[in-house]
């Protein structure tokens, strides 16, 4: 899905900040002056934030509300991945649960019909 919407194929197996395709995934409003997207997928990704039960920065709990979105995704091998989008970035951050401890993390889920 990410490659079809602008991410180079060389980034498929990489984690972290990659591609410049977040604009294609974000909704056309509410992301701020330089953060709105064009919503070419029709997903209308909104600034829903995310939840961590572990201490992060100044506290724990709901994070990123109003400036970020985080979504679960998976592969055919049942590996859990998370995608993070931030209002001021055109990149998408890919986190792997085997590398980053996402235990106690609550992210938005989107289901797509193949």
N, C-alpha and C. Protein backbone atom coordinates (compact mmCIF):
# COMPACT_ATOMS: atom_id res chain seq x y z
N UNK A 1 0.83 -1.18 0.00
CA UNK A 1 0.00 0.00 0.00
C UNK A 1 0.88 1.26 0.00
N UNK A 2 1.93 1.26 0.80
CA UNK A 2 2.78 2.43 0.87
C UNK A 2 3.52 2.67 -0.45
N UNK A 3 3.98 1.60 -1.07
CA UNK A 3 4.68 1.73 -2.36
C UNK A 3 3.73 2.29 -3.42
N UNK A 4 2.51 1.82 -3.42
CA UNK A 4 1.52 2.29 -4.39
C UNK A 4 1.22 3.78 -4.22
N UNK A 5 1.56 4.32 -3.06
CA UNK A 5 1.27 5.73 -2.79
C UNK A 5 2.52 6.55 -2.53
N UNK A 6 3.63 6.16 -3.16
CA UNK A 6 4.78 7.03 -3.19
C UNK A 6 6.04 6.61 -2.48
N UNK A 7 6.02 5.54 -1.69
CA UNK A 7 7.23 5.14 -1.00
C UNK A 7 8.12 4.35 -1.97
N UNK A 8 9.41 4.66 -2.04
CA UNK A 8 10.31 3.88 -2.90
C UNK A 8 10.38 2.42 -2.47
N UNK A 9 10.47 1.50 -3.41
CA UNK A 9 10.55 0.07 -3.08
C UNK A 9 11.78 -0.27 -2.25
N UNK A 10 12.82 0.55 -2.32
CA UNK A 10 14.03 0.30 -1.54
C UNK A 10 13.78 0.41 -0.03
N UNK A 11 12.65 0.97 0.38
CA UNK A 11 12.33 1.13 1.80
C UNK A 11 11.46 0.01 2.35
N UNK A 12 11.04 -0.94 1.53
CA UNK A 12 10.09 -1.96 1.97
C UNK A 12 10.54 -2.68 3.24
N UNK A 13 11.75 -3.14 3.32
CA UNK A 13 12.21 -3.89 4.47
C UNK A 13 12.78 -3.05 5.60
N UNK A 14 12.77 -1.76 5.47
CA UNK A 14 13.39 -0.87 6.46
C UNK A 14 12.37 -0.37 7.48
N UNK A 15 12.86 -0.12 8.66
CA UNK A 15 12.04 0.51 9.68
C UNK A 15 12.47 1.95 9.86
N UNK A 16 11.84 2.63 10.79
CA UNK A 16 12.16 4.03 11.04
C UNK A 16 11.47 4.96 10.05
N UNK A 17 11.96 6.19 9.99
CA UNK A 17 11.39 7.18 9.08
C UNK A 17 11.77 6.81 7.66
N UNK A 18 10.77 6.73 6.80
CA UNK A 18 11.04 6.30 5.44
C UNK A 18 10.03 6.88 4.46
N UNK A 19 10.47 7.05 3.22
CA UNK A 19 9.59 7.56 2.17
C UNK A 19 9.18 8.99 2.42
N UNK A 20 8.40 9.52 1.51
CA UNK A 20 7.81 10.86 1.67
C UNK A 20 6.35 10.80 1.24
N UNK A 21 5.66 9.79 1.71
CA UNK A 21 4.30 9.51 1.24
C UNK A 21 3.21 9.75 2.28
N UNK A 22 3.55 10.29 3.43
CA UNK A 22 2.54 10.53 4.47
C UNK A 22 1.43 11.45 3.97
N UNK A 23 1.78 12.38 3.11
CA UNK A 23 0.78 13.31 2.55
C UNK A 23 -0.33 12.55 1.84
N UNK A 24 0.00 11.44 1.20
CA UNK A 24 -1.00 10.65 0.49
C UNK A 24 -1.93 9.90 1.43
N UNK A 25 -1.55 9.73 2.67
CA UNK A 25 -2.33 8.97 3.64
C UNK A 25 -3.19 9.84 4.55
N UNK A 26 -2.76 11.07 4.79
CA UNK A 26 -3.45 11.95 5.73
C UNK A 26 -4.71 12.56 5.13
N UNK A 27 -5.66 12.86 6.03
CA UNK A 27 -6.86 13.57 5.61
C UNK A 27 -6.51 14.98 5.17
N UNK A 28 -7.40 15.64 4.47
CA UNK A 28 -7.11 16.95 3.89
C UNK A 28 -7.24 18.11 4.87
N UNK A 29 -7.65 17.84 6.10
CA UNK A 29 -7.77 18.92 7.08
C UNK A 29 -7.37 18.43 8.47
N UNK A 30 -7.17 19.33 9.36
CA UNK A 30 -6.90 19.16 10.80
C UNK A 30 -5.45 18.84 11.14
N UNK A 31 -4.56 18.66 10.16
CA UNK A 31 -3.16 18.35 10.44
C UNK A 31 -2.31 19.61 10.59
N UNK A 32 -2.87 20.77 10.46
CA UNK A 32 -2.11 22.00 10.61
C UNK A 32 -1.66 22.56 9.28
N UNK A 33 -1.13 23.74 9.32
CA UNK A 33 -0.79 24.50 8.13
C UNK A 33 0.07 23.72 7.12
N UNK A 34 1.14 23.10 7.57
CA UNK A 34 2.03 22.37 6.66
C UNK A 34 1.88 20.86 6.75
N UNK A 35 0.88 20.37 7.46
CA UNK A 35 0.77 18.94 7.67
C UNK A 35 -0.39 18.24 7.00
N UNK A 36 -1.33 18.98 6.41
CA UNK A 36 -2.48 18.34 5.79
C UNK A 36 -2.06 17.47 4.63
N UNK A 37 -2.87 16.46 4.36
CA UNK A 37 -2.58 15.54 3.27
C UNK A 37 -3.53 15.73 2.10
N UNK A 38 -3.40 14.80 1.15
CA UNK A 38 -4.29 14.82 -0.02
C UNK A 38 -5.24 13.61 0.00
N UNK A 39 -5.06 12.70 0.97
CA UNK A 39 -5.97 11.59 1.20
C UNK A 39 -6.23 10.76 -0.06
N UNK A 40 -5.20 10.46 -0.83
CA UNK A 40 -5.38 9.73 -2.08
C UNK A 40 -5.86 8.29 -1.87
N UNK A 41 -5.70 7.75 -0.66
CA UNK A 41 -6.19 6.40 -0.36
C UNK A 41 -7.63 6.38 0.12
N UNK A 42 -8.13 7.53 0.55
CA UNK A 42 -9.48 7.57 1.10
C UNK A 42 -9.56 7.03 2.52
N UNK A 43 -8.42 6.90 3.22
CA UNK A 43 -8.43 6.40 4.59
C UNK A 43 -8.80 7.47 5.61
N UNK A 44 -8.67 8.73 5.23
CA UNK A 44 -8.97 9.85 6.14
C UNK A 44 -8.25 9.71 7.48
N UNK A 45 -6.95 9.47 7.45
CA UNK A 45 -6.18 9.31 8.68
C UNK A 45 -6.19 10.63 9.45
N UNK A 46 -6.69 10.54 10.68
CA UNK A 46 -6.86 11.70 11.55
C UNK A 46 -5.84 11.70 12.67
N UNK A 47 -5.77 12.80 13.38
CA UNK A 47 -4.84 12.99 14.50
C UNK A 47 -5.35 12.30 15.76
N UNK A 48 -5.34 10.99 15.76
CA UNK A 48 -5.90 10.23 16.87
C UNK A 48 -4.92 9.99 18.01
N UNK A 49 -3.62 10.23 17.78
CA UNK A 49 -2.63 9.97 18.81
C UNK A 49 -2.45 8.48 19.03
N UNK A 50 -1.93 8.11 20.20
CA UNK A 50 -1.67 6.71 20.54
C UNK A 50 -1.54 6.61 22.05
N UNK A 51 -1.56 5.39 22.57
CA UNK A 51 -1.49 5.17 24.01
C UNK A 51 -0.33 4.24 24.35
N UNK A 52 0.48 4.62 25.31
CA UNK A 52 1.54 3.77 25.85
C UNK A 52 1.30 3.60 27.34
N UNK A 53 1.33 2.37 27.82
CA UNK A 53 1.16 2.16 29.26
C UNK A 53 2.47 2.33 30.01
N UNK A 54 3.60 2.40 29.28
CA UNK A 54 4.91 2.60 29.91
C UNK A 54 5.29 4.07 29.89
N UNK A 55 6.17 4.45 30.79
CA UNK A 55 6.59 5.85 30.89
C UNK A 55 7.35 6.29 29.65
N UNK A 56 6.91 7.38 29.07
CA UNK A 56 7.57 7.99 27.92
C UNK A 56 7.67 9.48 28.20
N UNK A 57 8.78 10.04 27.97
CA UNK A 57 9.06 11.47 28.18
C UNK A 57 8.54 11.94 29.53
N UNK A 58 7.55 12.81 29.55
CA UNK A 58 7.07 13.41 30.79
C UNK A 58 6.01 12.59 31.52
N UNK A 59 5.62 11.49 30.96
CA UNK A 59 4.57 10.72 31.60
C UNK A 59 4.24 9.48 30.81
N UNK A 60 3.00 9.04 30.92
CA UNK A 60 2.55 7.89 30.16
C UNK A 60 1.08 8.05 29.89
N UNK A 61 0.59 7.26 28.99
CA UNK A 61 -0.81 7.33 28.64
C UNK A 61 -0.99 7.84 27.24
N UNK A 62 -2.03 8.60 27.03
CA UNK A 62 -2.34 9.11 25.70
C UNK A 62 -1.28 10.10 25.26
N UNK A 63 -0.68 9.84 24.12
CA UNK A 63 0.39 10.67 23.57
C UNK A 63 -0.01 11.14 22.17
N UNK A 64 0.52 12.24 21.75
CA UNK A 64 0.40 12.67 20.37
C UNK A 64 -0.96 13.14 19.91
N UNK A 65 -1.93 13.24 20.81
CA UNK A 65 -3.27 13.66 20.41
C UNK A 65 -3.20 15.09 19.87
N UNK A 66 -3.67 15.29 18.67
CA UNK A 66 -3.66 16.60 18.07
C UNK A 66 -2.50 16.88 17.15
N UNK A 67 -1.49 15.98 17.13
CA UNK A 67 -0.38 16.19 16.19
C UNK A 67 0.18 14.90 15.59
N UNK A 68 -0.43 13.75 15.89
CA UNK A 68 0.07 12.50 15.32
C UNK A 68 -1.04 11.45 15.19
N UNK A 69 -0.71 10.41 14.47
CA UNK A 69 -1.59 9.25 14.34
C UNK A 69 -0.72 8.01 14.30
N UNK A 70 -1.21 6.92 14.83
CA UNK A 70 -0.48 5.66 14.81
C UNK A 70 -1.45 4.54 14.51
N UNK A 71 -1.05 3.66 13.62
CA UNK A 71 -1.91 2.57 13.16
C UNK A 71 -1.17 1.26 13.18
N UNK A 72 -1.88 0.18 13.57
CA UNK A 72 -1.33 -1.15 13.47
C UNK A 72 -1.44 -1.62 12.03
N UNK A 73 -0.49 -2.42 11.62
CA UNK A 73 -0.58 -3.15 10.36
C UNK A 73 0.09 -4.49 10.57
N UNK A 74 0.01 -5.37 9.62
CA UNK A 74 0.61 -6.70 9.75
C UNK A 74 1.07 -7.19 8.40
N UNK A 75 1.87 -8.24 8.43
CA UNK A 75 2.32 -8.87 7.20
C UNK A 75 1.67 -10.24 7.07
N UNK A 76 1.87 -10.88 5.94
CA UNK A 76 1.32 -12.22 5.75
C UNK A 76 1.92 -13.22 6.72
N UNK A 77 3.07 -12.87 7.35
CA UNK A 77 3.72 -13.74 8.32
C UNK A 77 3.27 -13.43 9.75
N UNK A 78 2.22 -12.64 9.90
CA UNK A 78 1.66 -12.27 11.19
C UNK A 78 2.63 -11.50 12.08
N UNK A 79 3.50 -10.70 11.48
CA UNK A 79 4.38 -9.82 12.23
C UNK A 79 3.65 -8.50 12.43
N UNK A 80 3.60 -8.04 13.68
CA UNK A 80 2.94 -6.78 13.98
C UNK A 80 3.83 -5.59 13.67
N UNK A 81 3.27 -4.63 13.01
CA UNK A 81 3.97 -3.39 12.68
C UNK A 81 3.10 -2.22 13.10
N UNK A 82 3.72 -1.11 13.34
CA UNK A 82 2.99 0.12 13.61
C UNK A 82 3.51 1.18 12.65
N UNK A 83 2.61 2.04 12.21
CA UNK A 83 2.97 3.17 11.37
C UNK A 83 2.61 4.44 12.14
N UNK A 84 3.57 5.35 12.25
CA UNK A 84 3.36 6.62 12.94
C UNK A 84 3.45 7.75 11.93
N UNK A 85 2.49 8.67 11.97
CA UNK A 85 2.49 9.86 11.14
C UNK A 85 2.41 11.07 12.06
N UNK A 86 3.17 12.10 11.74
CA UNK A 86 3.18 13.32 12.54
C UNK A 86 2.84 14.51 11.66
N UNK A 87 2.20 15.51 12.25
CA UNK A 87 1.71 16.65 11.47
C UNK A 87 2.79 17.39 10.72
N UNK A 88 3.98 17.47 11.26
CA UNK A 88 5.03 18.27 10.62
C UNK A 88 5.95 17.44 9.72
N UNK A 89 5.63 16.17 9.48
CA UNK A 89 6.51 15.31 8.68
C UNK A 89 5.79 14.72 7.48
N UNK A 90 6.53 14.58 6.39
CA UNK A 90 5.97 13.92 5.21
C UNK A 90 6.39 12.46 5.15
N UNK A 91 7.20 12.01 6.12
CA UNK A 91 7.65 10.63 6.20
C UNK A 91 6.70 9.81 7.06
N UNK A 92 6.75 8.49 6.91
CA UNK A 92 5.99 7.57 7.75
C UNK A 92 7.01 6.76 8.55
N UNK A 93 6.79 6.63 9.86
CA UNK A 93 7.68 5.86 10.71
C UNK A 93 7.11 4.45 10.88
N UNK A 94 7.91 3.44 10.57
CA UNK A 94 7.50 2.05 10.69
C UNK A 94 8.21 1.43 11.88
N UNK A 95 7.44 0.91 12.84
CA UNK A 95 7.97 0.24 14.02
C UNK A 95 7.63 -1.23 13.95
N UNK A 96 8.58 -2.08 14.32
CA UNK A 96 8.40 -3.52 14.37
C UNK A 96 8.29 -3.92 15.83
N UNK A 97 7.30 -4.72 16.18
CA UNK A 97 7.14 -5.12 17.58
C UNK A 97 8.29 -5.98 18.08
N UNK A 98 9.05 -6.63 17.18
CA UNK A 98 10.19 -7.43 17.60
C UNK A 98 11.39 -6.56 17.96
N UNK A 99 11.44 -5.35 17.46
CA UNK A 99 12.55 -4.43 17.72
C UNK A 99 12.16 -3.44 18.81
N UNK A 100 10.99 -2.88 18.70
CA UNK A 100 10.48 -1.90 19.65
C UNK A 100 9.42 -2.56 20.52
N UNK A 101 9.53 -2.41 21.82
CA UNK A 101 8.56 -3.03 22.72
C UNK A 101 7.24 -2.27 22.67
N UNK A 102 6.27 -2.84 22.01
CA UNK A 102 4.96 -2.21 21.89
C UNK A 102 3.94 -2.85 22.82
N UNK A 103 4.41 -3.62 23.80
CA UNK A 103 3.53 -4.20 24.79
C UNK A 103 2.86 -3.07 25.57
N UNK A 104 1.59 -3.15 25.74
CA UNK A 104 0.87 -2.11 26.45
C UNK A 104 0.61 -0.88 25.59
N UNK A 105 0.70 -1.04 24.28
CA UNK A 105 0.47 0.05 23.37
C UNK A 105 -0.89 -0.10 22.69
N UNK A 106 -1.63 0.97 22.63
CA UNK A 106 -2.92 0.96 21.95
C UNK A 106 -2.83 1.92 20.75
N UNK A 107 -3.05 1.37 19.57
CA UNK A 107 -3.02 2.15 18.34
C UNK A 107 -4.33 1.94 17.59
N UNK A 108 -4.60 2.83 16.68
CA UNK A 108 -5.79 2.71 15.85
C UNK A 108 -5.62 1.55 14.88
N UNK A 109 -6.71 0.89 14.55
CA UNK A 109 -6.71 -0.18 13.55
C UNK A 109 -7.56 0.24 12.37
N UNK A 110 -7.10 -0.09 11.19
CA UNK A 110 -7.88 0.13 9.96
C UNK A 110 -7.90 -1.17 9.21
N UNK A 111 -9.04 -1.59 8.76
CA UNK A 111 -9.16 -2.82 7.99
C UNK A 111 -9.40 -2.46 6.52
N UNK A 112 -8.67 -3.12 5.66
CA UNK A 112 -8.82 -2.90 4.22
C UNK A 112 -9.24 -4.20 3.57
N UNK A 113 -10.16 -4.12 2.66
CA UNK A 113 -10.61 -5.27 1.92
C UNK A 113 -9.70 -5.46 0.72
N UNK A 114 -9.07 -6.61 0.61
CA UNK A 114 -8.14 -6.88 -0.48
C UNK A 114 -8.89 -7.32 -1.73
